[in-house]
Amino acid sequence: MYRFHKFTIGHAWRSDFGDPDVEEHFQWLQKYSPLHTIPNSNIYPSILLLTADHDDRVVPLHSLKFIATIQKKLGSKTERPLIVKVDTKSGHGAGKPTSKRLQESAECYGFLAREMKLSWSE
């Protein structure tokens, strides 16, 4: 959250999130920034982050940095998956073709089923 306004359309979100270049706003952002509030713990849930290489609203680097920071903090202390899926030739979501939406839904449901140890039945 400290640099969101420096990439693509992020500058337009300062009215929503605050301006990190203003000290008072920076103090607010510091308290809820997902990247900067990752707990120092050996316990972290399984994660599947979805992003797209042409997303101009939420630049993929935010997701990549987030998951890399968690991996660095946890090191080899977890066996839970920490996954980032970067969809290619896609944007923020609204313009995705039906085939990509179906594929993404299937991957999410598959991830949930695996992590919850669910089994399929006919």
N, C-alpha and C. Protein backbone atom coordinates (compact mmCIF):
# COMPACT_ATOMS: atom_id res chain seq x y z
N MET A 1 0.82 -1.20 0.00
CA MET A 1 0.00 0.00 0.00
C MET A 1 0.86 1.26 0.00
N TYR A 2 2.15 1.12 0.22
CA TYR A 2 3.00 2.31 0.27
C TYR A 2 3.28 2.89 -1.11
N ARG A 3 3.17 2.06 -2.16
CA ARG A 3 3.55 2.54 -3.49
C ARG A 3 2.48 2.27 -4.55
N PHE A 4 1.27 1.93 -4.14
CA PHE A 4 0.23 1.60 -5.11
C PHE A 4 -0.02 2.73 -6.10
N HIS A 5 0.16 3.96 -5.67
CA HIS A 5 -0.15 5.13 -6.50
C HIS A 5 0.91 5.40 -7.56
N LYS A 6 1.98 4.65 -7.56
CA LYS A 6 3.07 4.87 -8.51
C LYS A 6 2.95 4.01 -9.77
N PHE A 7 1.95 3.13 -9.82
CA PHE A 7 1.81 2.21 -10.94
C PHE A 7 0.46 2.37 -11.62
N THR A 8 0.48 2.37 -12.91
CA THR A 8 -0.70 2.46 -13.78
C THR A 8 -1.75 3.41 -13.21
N ILE A 9 -2.96 2.93 -12.99
CA ILE A 9 -4.07 3.79 -12.58
C ILE A 9 -4.13 4.00 -11.06
N GLY A 10 -3.18 3.47 -10.33
CA GLY A 10 -3.17 3.57 -8.87
C GLY A 10 -3.29 4.98 -8.33
N HIS A 11 -2.77 5.95 -9.06
CA HIS A 11 -2.84 7.34 -8.58
C HIS A 11 -4.29 7.78 -8.34
N ALA A 12 -5.23 7.20 -9.08
CA ALA A 12 -6.64 7.57 -8.95
C ALA A 12 -7.27 7.02 -7.67
N TRP A 13 -6.61 6.10 -7.00
CA TRP A 13 -7.16 5.49 -5.79
C TRP A 13 -6.79 6.25 -4.53
N ARG A 14 -6.00 7.28 -4.65
CA ARG A 14 -5.61 8.02 -3.44
C ARG A 14 -6.82 8.57 -2.70
N SER A 15 -7.88 8.91 -3.44
CA SER A 15 -9.09 9.40 -2.75
C SER A 15 -9.78 8.27 -1.98
N ASP A 16 -9.56 7.02 -2.38
CA ASP A 16 -10.14 5.87 -1.67
C ASP A 16 -9.28 5.41 -0.50
N PHE A 17 -7.98 5.28 -0.74
CA PHE A 17 -7.08 4.67 0.25
C PHE A 17 -6.24 5.67 1.03
N GLY A 18 -6.12 6.88 0.53
CA GLY A 18 -5.21 7.86 1.12
C GLY A 18 -3.97 7.98 0.25
N ASP A 19 -3.20 9.01 0.49
CA ASP A 19 -2.00 9.27 -0.29
C ASP A 19 -0.78 8.91 0.54
N PRO A 20 -0.05 7.87 0.16
CA PRO A 20 1.12 7.46 0.95
C PRO A 20 2.18 8.54 1.08
N ASP A 21 2.15 9.54 0.22
CA ASP A 21 3.13 10.63 0.31
C ASP A 21 2.77 11.65 1.38
N VAL A 22 1.58 11.54 1.95
CA VAL A 22 1.14 12.41 3.06
C VAL A 22 1.33 11.61 4.35
N GLU A 23 2.10 12.15 5.27
CA GLU A 23 2.47 11.42 6.49
C GLU A 23 1.27 10.84 7.24
N GLU A 24 0.22 11.62 7.42
CA GLU A 24 -0.95 11.14 8.15
C GLU A 24 -1.59 9.95 7.43
N HIS A 25 -1.69 10.02 6.13
CA HIS A 25 -2.26 8.92 5.34
C HIS A 25 -1.35 7.70 5.41
N PHE A 26 -0.05 7.95 5.33
CA PHE A 26 0.92 6.85 5.42
C PHE A 26 0.73 6.06 6.71
N GLN A 27 0.47 6.77 7.81
CA GLN A 27 0.26 6.10 9.10
C GLN A 27 -0.98 5.20 9.06
N TRP A 28 -2.04 5.64 8.38
CA TRP A 28 -3.24 4.80 8.24
C TRP A 28 -2.91 3.57 7.41
N LEU A 29 -2.27 3.82 6.26
CA LEU A 29 -1.96 2.72 5.35
C LEU A 29 -1.10 1.67 6.01
N GLN A 30 -0.18 2.10 6.82
CA GLN A 30 0.73 1.19 7.50
C GLN A 30 -0.01 0.18 8.36
N LYS A 31 -1.16 0.58 8.89
CA LYS A 31 -1.91 -0.29 9.80
C LYS A 31 -2.72 -1.36 9.08
N TYR A 32 -3.04 -1.16 7.81
CA TYR A 32 -3.84 -2.18 7.13
C TYR A 32 -3.24 -2.70 5.82
N SER A 33 -2.05 -2.30 5.50
CA SER A 33 -1.39 -2.79 4.30
C SER A 33 -1.18 -4.30 4.40
N PRO A 34 -1.75 -5.08 3.48
CA PRO A 34 -1.58 -6.54 3.56
C PRO A 34 -0.11 -6.98 3.58
N LEU A 35 0.71 -6.31 2.81
CA LEU A 35 2.13 -6.67 2.75
C LEU A 35 2.84 -6.35 4.06
N HIS A 36 2.50 -5.25 4.68
CA HIS A 36 3.23 -4.79 5.85
C HIS A 36 2.62 -5.24 7.17
N THR A 37 1.57 -6.04 7.10
CA THR A 37 0.97 -6.57 8.33
C THR A 37 0.99 -8.10 8.36
N ILE A 38 1.86 -8.69 7.55
CA ILE A 38 2.01 -10.15 7.57
C ILE A 38 2.59 -10.53 8.93
N PRO A 39 1.90 -11.38 9.67
CA PRO A 39 2.40 -11.72 11.02
C PRO A 39 3.69 -12.53 10.98
N ASN A 40 4.50 -12.35 12.00
CA ASN A 40 5.70 -13.18 12.15
C ASN A 40 5.26 -14.45 12.87
N SER A 41 4.84 -15.41 12.09
CA SER A 41 4.30 -16.64 12.66
C SER A 41 4.71 -17.80 11.77
N ASN A 42 4.75 -18.97 12.36
CA ASN A 42 5.01 -20.17 11.57
C ASN A 42 3.74 -20.71 10.94
N ILE A 43 2.61 -20.13 11.33
CA ILE A 43 1.32 -20.63 10.86
C ILE A 43 0.73 -19.62 9.88
N TYR A 44 0.48 -20.08 8.69
CA TYR A 44 -0.16 -19.24 7.68
C TYR A 44 -1.00 -20.14 6.81
N PRO A 45 -2.17 -19.68 6.38
CA PRO A 45 -3.05 -20.56 5.59
C PRO A 45 -2.53 -20.80 4.18
N SER A 46 -3.08 -21.80 3.55
CA SER A 46 -2.81 -22.02 2.14
C SER A 46 -3.32 -20.81 1.37
N ILE A 47 -2.59 -20.43 0.32
CA ILE A 47 -2.96 -19.22 -0.42
C ILE A 47 -2.92 -19.50 -1.92
N LEU A 48 -3.96 -19.04 -2.59
CA LEU A 48 -4.00 -19.00 -4.05
C LEU A 48 -4.33 -17.57 -4.43
N LEU A 49 -3.36 -16.84 -4.98
CA LEU A 49 -3.57 -15.48 -5.46
C LEU A 49 -3.75 -15.51 -6.96
N LEU A 50 -4.73 -14.79 -7.45
CA LEU A 50 -4.99 -14.72 -8.88
C LEU A 50 -4.68 -13.32 -9.38
N THR A 51 -3.96 -13.24 -10.48
CA THR A 51 -3.65 -11.95 -11.10
C THR A 51 -3.55 -12.17 -12.60
N ALA A 52 -3.34 -11.09 -13.32
CA ALA A 52 -3.24 -11.18 -14.78
C ALA A 52 -2.12 -10.27 -15.27
N ASP A 53 -1.45 -10.71 -16.32
CA ASP A 53 -0.29 -9.97 -16.80
C ASP A 53 -0.64 -8.62 -17.42
N HIS A 54 -1.88 -8.40 -17.79
CA HIS A 54 -2.29 -7.11 -18.36
C HIS A 54 -3.24 -6.35 -17.44
N ASP A 55 -3.21 -6.66 -16.16
CA ASP A 55 -4.09 -5.98 -15.19
C ASP A 55 -3.50 -4.60 -14.91
N ASP A 56 -4.20 -3.56 -15.34
CA ASP A 56 -3.69 -2.21 -15.10
C ASP A 56 -4.29 -1.59 -13.85
N ARG A 57 -5.16 -2.30 -13.16
CA ARG A 57 -5.73 -1.79 -11.90
C ARG A 57 -4.95 -2.29 -10.70
N VAL A 58 -4.70 -3.58 -10.67
CA VAL A 58 -3.90 -4.18 -9.60
C VAL A 58 -2.71 -4.85 -10.28
N VAL A 59 -1.63 -4.11 -10.35
CA VAL A 59 -0.44 -4.57 -11.07
C VAL A 59 0.04 -5.89 -10.47
N PRO A 60 0.36 -6.88 -11.30
CA PRO A 60 0.77 -8.20 -10.79
C PRO A 60 1.93 -8.16 -9.80
N LEU A 61 2.77 -7.15 -9.89
CA LEU A 61 3.91 -7.09 -8.96
C LEU A 61 3.45 -7.06 -7.50
N HIS A 62 2.26 -6.52 -7.23
CA HIS A 62 1.77 -6.50 -5.85
C HIS A 62 1.53 -7.92 -5.33
N SER A 63 0.91 -8.76 -6.14
CA SER A 63 0.67 -10.15 -5.75
C SER A 63 1.97 -10.92 -5.61
N LEU A 64 2.88 -10.70 -6.55
CA LEU A 64 4.16 -11.41 -6.52
C LEU A 64 4.99 -11.01 -5.29
N LYS A 65 5.01 -9.73 -4.98
CA LYS A 65 5.76 -9.26 -3.81
C LYS A 65 5.13 -9.79 -2.52
N PHE A 66 3.80 -9.81 -2.47
CA PHE A 66 3.10 -10.31 -1.29
C PHE A 66 3.46 -11.77 -1.02
N ILE A 67 3.34 -12.61 -2.04
CA ILE A 67 3.61 -14.03 -1.83
C ILE A 67 5.09 -14.28 -1.55
N ALA A 68 5.97 -13.51 -2.18
CA ALA A 68 7.41 -13.64 -1.93
C ALA A 68 7.75 -13.27 -0.49
N THR A 69 7.09 -12.25 0.04
CA THR A 69 7.33 -11.83 1.43
C THR A 69 6.87 -12.91 2.40
N ILE A 70 5.72 -13.51 2.12
CA ILE A 70 5.25 -14.61 2.98
C ILE A 70 6.23 -15.78 2.90
N GLN A 71 6.67 -16.13 1.70
CA GLN A 71 7.62 -17.23 1.54
C GLN A 71 8.91 -16.95 2.31
N LYS A 72 9.38 -15.72 2.25
CA LYS A 72 10.61 -15.37 2.96
C LYS A 72 10.42 -15.50 4.47
N LYS A 73 9.29 -15.02 4.98
CA LYS A 73 9.04 -15.09 6.43
C LYS A 73 8.88 -16.53 6.91
N LEU A 74 8.20 -17.35 6.11
CA LEU A 74 7.95 -18.73 6.51
C LEU A 74 9.12 -19.65 6.22
N GLY A 75 9.84 -19.36 5.15
CA GLY A 75 10.93 -20.25 4.76
C GLY A 75 10.40 -21.65 4.53
N SER A 76 11.04 -22.62 5.12
CA SER A 76 10.61 -24.02 4.96
C SER A 76 9.72 -24.46 6.12
N LYS A 77 9.16 -23.52 6.86
CA LYS A 77 8.36 -23.84 8.04
C LYS A 77 6.94 -24.27 7.70
N THR A 78 6.56 -24.25 6.44
CA THR A 78 5.20 -24.62 6.08
C THR A 78 5.19 -25.61 4.93
N GLU A 79 4.21 -26.47 4.97
CA GLU A 79 3.99 -27.39 3.85
C GLU A 79 2.77 -26.97 3.06
N ARG A 80 2.11 -25.91 3.50
CA ARG A 80 0.92 -25.41 2.81
C ARG A 80 1.33 -24.69 1.53
N PRO A 81 0.51 -24.82 0.50
CA PRO A 81 0.87 -24.16 -0.76
C PRO A 81 0.68 -22.65 -0.70
N LEU A 82 1.62 -21.94 -1.30
CA LEU A 82 1.56 -20.49 -1.47
C LEU A 82 1.71 -20.25 -2.97
N ILE A 83 0.59 -20.05 -3.64
CA ILE A 83 0.55 -20.06 -5.10
C ILE A 83 0.09 -18.72 -5.66
N VAL A 84 0.77 -18.27 -6.71
CA VAL A 84 0.31 -17.13 -7.49
C VAL A 84 0.07 -17.65 -8.90
N LYS A 85 -1.14 -17.44 -9.39
CA LYS A 85 -1.45 -17.80 -10.77
C LYS A 85 -1.56 -16.51 -11.56
N VAL A 86 -0.69 -16.36 -12.55
CA VAL A 86 -0.70 -15.18 -13.41
C VAL A 86 -1.33 -15.58 -14.74
N ASP A 87 -2.53 -15.12 -14.97
CA ASP A 87 -3.22 -15.40 -16.23
C ASP A 87 -2.59 -14.54 -17.32
N THR A 88 -2.37 -15.12 -18.47
CA THR A 88 -1.75 -14.39 -19.57
C THR A 88 -2.80 -13.83 -20.52
N LYS A 89 -2.47 -12.74 -21.12
CA LYS A 89 -3.34 -12.05 -22.07
C LYS A 89 -4.70 -11.73 -21.44
N SER A 90 -4.68 -11.33 -20.17
CA SER A 90 -5.90 -10.99 -19.44
C SER A 90 -5.69 -9.70 -18.68
N GLY A 91 -6.81 -9.07 -18.34
CA GLY A 91 -6.77 -7.85 -17.56
C GLY A 91 -7.37 -8.05 -16.19
N HIS A 92 -8.11 -7.06 -15.72
CA HIS A 92 -8.62 -7.06 -14.35
C HIS A 92 -9.78 -8.01 -14.13
N GLY A 93 -10.46 -8.43 -15.15
CA GLY A 93 -11.53 -9.41 -14.94
C GLY A 93 -12.74 -9.22 -15.80
N ALA A 94 -13.24 -8.01 -15.89
CA ALA A 94 -14.51 -7.79 -16.59
C ALA A 94 -14.44 -8.17 -18.07
N GLY A 95 -13.28 -8.06 -18.67
CA GLY A 95 -13.17 -8.36 -20.09
C GLY A 95 -12.73 -9.77 -20.41
N LYS A 96 -12.68 -10.63 -19.42
CA LYS A 96 -12.23 -12.02 -19.66
C LYS A 96 -13.27 -12.78 -20.46
N PRO A 97 -12.82 -13.57 -21.43
CA PRO A 97 -13.77 -14.42 -22.13
C PRO A 97 -14.31 -15.52 -21.20
N THR A 98 -15.43 -16.06 -21.56
CA THR A 98 -16.08 -17.09 -20.74
C THR A 98 -15.16 -18.27 -20.48
N SER A 99 -14.38 -18.67 -21.47
CA SER A 99 -13.49 -19.82 -21.29
C SER A 99 -12.47 -19.57 -20.18
N LYS A 100 -11.94 -18.35 -20.10
CA LYS A 100 -10.96 -18.04 -19.04
C LYS A 100 -11.65 -17.96 -17.67
N ARG A 101 -12.87 -17.46 -17.64
CA ARG A 101 -13.61 -17.40 -16.38
C ARG A 101 -13.90 -18.80 -15.85
N LEU A 102 -14.30 -19.69 -16.76
CA LEU A 102 -14.57 -21.08 -16.36
C LEU A 102 -13.30 -21.76 -15.86
N GLN A 103 -12.19 -21.56 -16.56
CA GLN A 103 -10.92 -22.15 -16.16
C GLN A 103 -10.51 -21.66 -14.78
N GLU A 104 -10.65 -20.36 -14.55
CA GLU A 104 -10.30 -19.78 -13.25
C GLU A 104 -11.18 -20.34 -12.13
N SER A 105 -12.47 -20.45 -12.40
CA SER A 105 -13.39 -21.01 -11.39
C SER A 105 -13.03 -22.45 -11.07
N ALA A 106 -12.74 -23.23 -12.10
CA ALA A 106 -12.36 -24.63 -11.88
C ALA A 106 -11.09 -24.73 -11.04
N GLU A 107 -10.12 -23.87 -11.32
CA GLU A 107 -8.88 -23.89 -10.54
C GLU A 107 -9.12 -23.51 -9.09
N CYS A 108 -9.97 -22.52 -8.86
CA CYS A 108 -10.29 -22.10 -7.49
C CYS A 108 -11.00 -23.22 -6.73
N TYR A 109 -12.01 -23.81 -7.37
CA TYR A 109 -12.73 -24.90 -6.71
C TYR A 109 -11.81 -26.10 -6.47
N GLY A 110 -10.92 -26.38 -7.41
CA GLY A 110 -9.96 -27.46 -7.23
C GLY A 110 -9.03 -27.20 -6.06
N PHE A 111 -8.56 -25.96 -5.96
CA PHE A 111 -7.69 -25.57 -4.84
C PHE A 111 -8.42 -25.73 -3.51
N LEU A 112 -9.65 -25.23 -3.44
CA LEU A 112 -10.43 -25.36 -2.21
C LEU A 112 -10.68 -26.82 -1.85
N ALA A 113 -11.04 -27.61 -2.84
CA ALA A 113 -11.31 -29.03 -2.58
C ALA A 113 -10.06 -29.73 -2.06
N ARG A 114 -8.92 -29.44 -2.65
CA ARG A 114 -7.68 -30.06 -2.21
C ARG A 114 -7.34 -29.66 -0.78
N GLU A 115 -7.44 -28.36 -0.50
CA GLU A 115 -7.05 -27.87 0.82
C GLU A 115 -8.03 -28.27 1.92
N MET A 116 -9.28 -28.49 1.54
CA MET A 116 -10.28 -28.94 2.53
C MET A 116 -10.40 -30.46 2.56
N LYS A 117 -9.56 -31.12 1.75
CA LYS A 117 -9.54 -32.59 1.68
C LYS A 117 -10.90 -33.17 1.33
N LEU A 118 -11.56 -32.51 0.38
CA LEU A 118 -12.85 -32.99 -0.09
C LEU A 118 -12.65 -34.05 -1.16
N SER A 119 -13.63 -34.90 -1.32
CA SER A 119 -13.55 -35.90 -2.39
C SER A 119 -14.78 -35.74 -3.28
N TRP A 120 -14.59 -36.06 -4.53
CA TRP A 120 -15.69 -35.96 -5.50
C TRP A 120 -16.49 -37.25 -5.49
N SER A 121 -17.79 -37.11 -5.65
CA SER A 121 -18.62 -38.30 -5.74
C SER A 121 -19.62 -38.10 -6.86
N GLU A 122 -20.04 -39.19 -7.42
CA GLU A 122 -21.00 -39.16 -8.53
C GLU A 122 -22.41 -39.22 -7.99
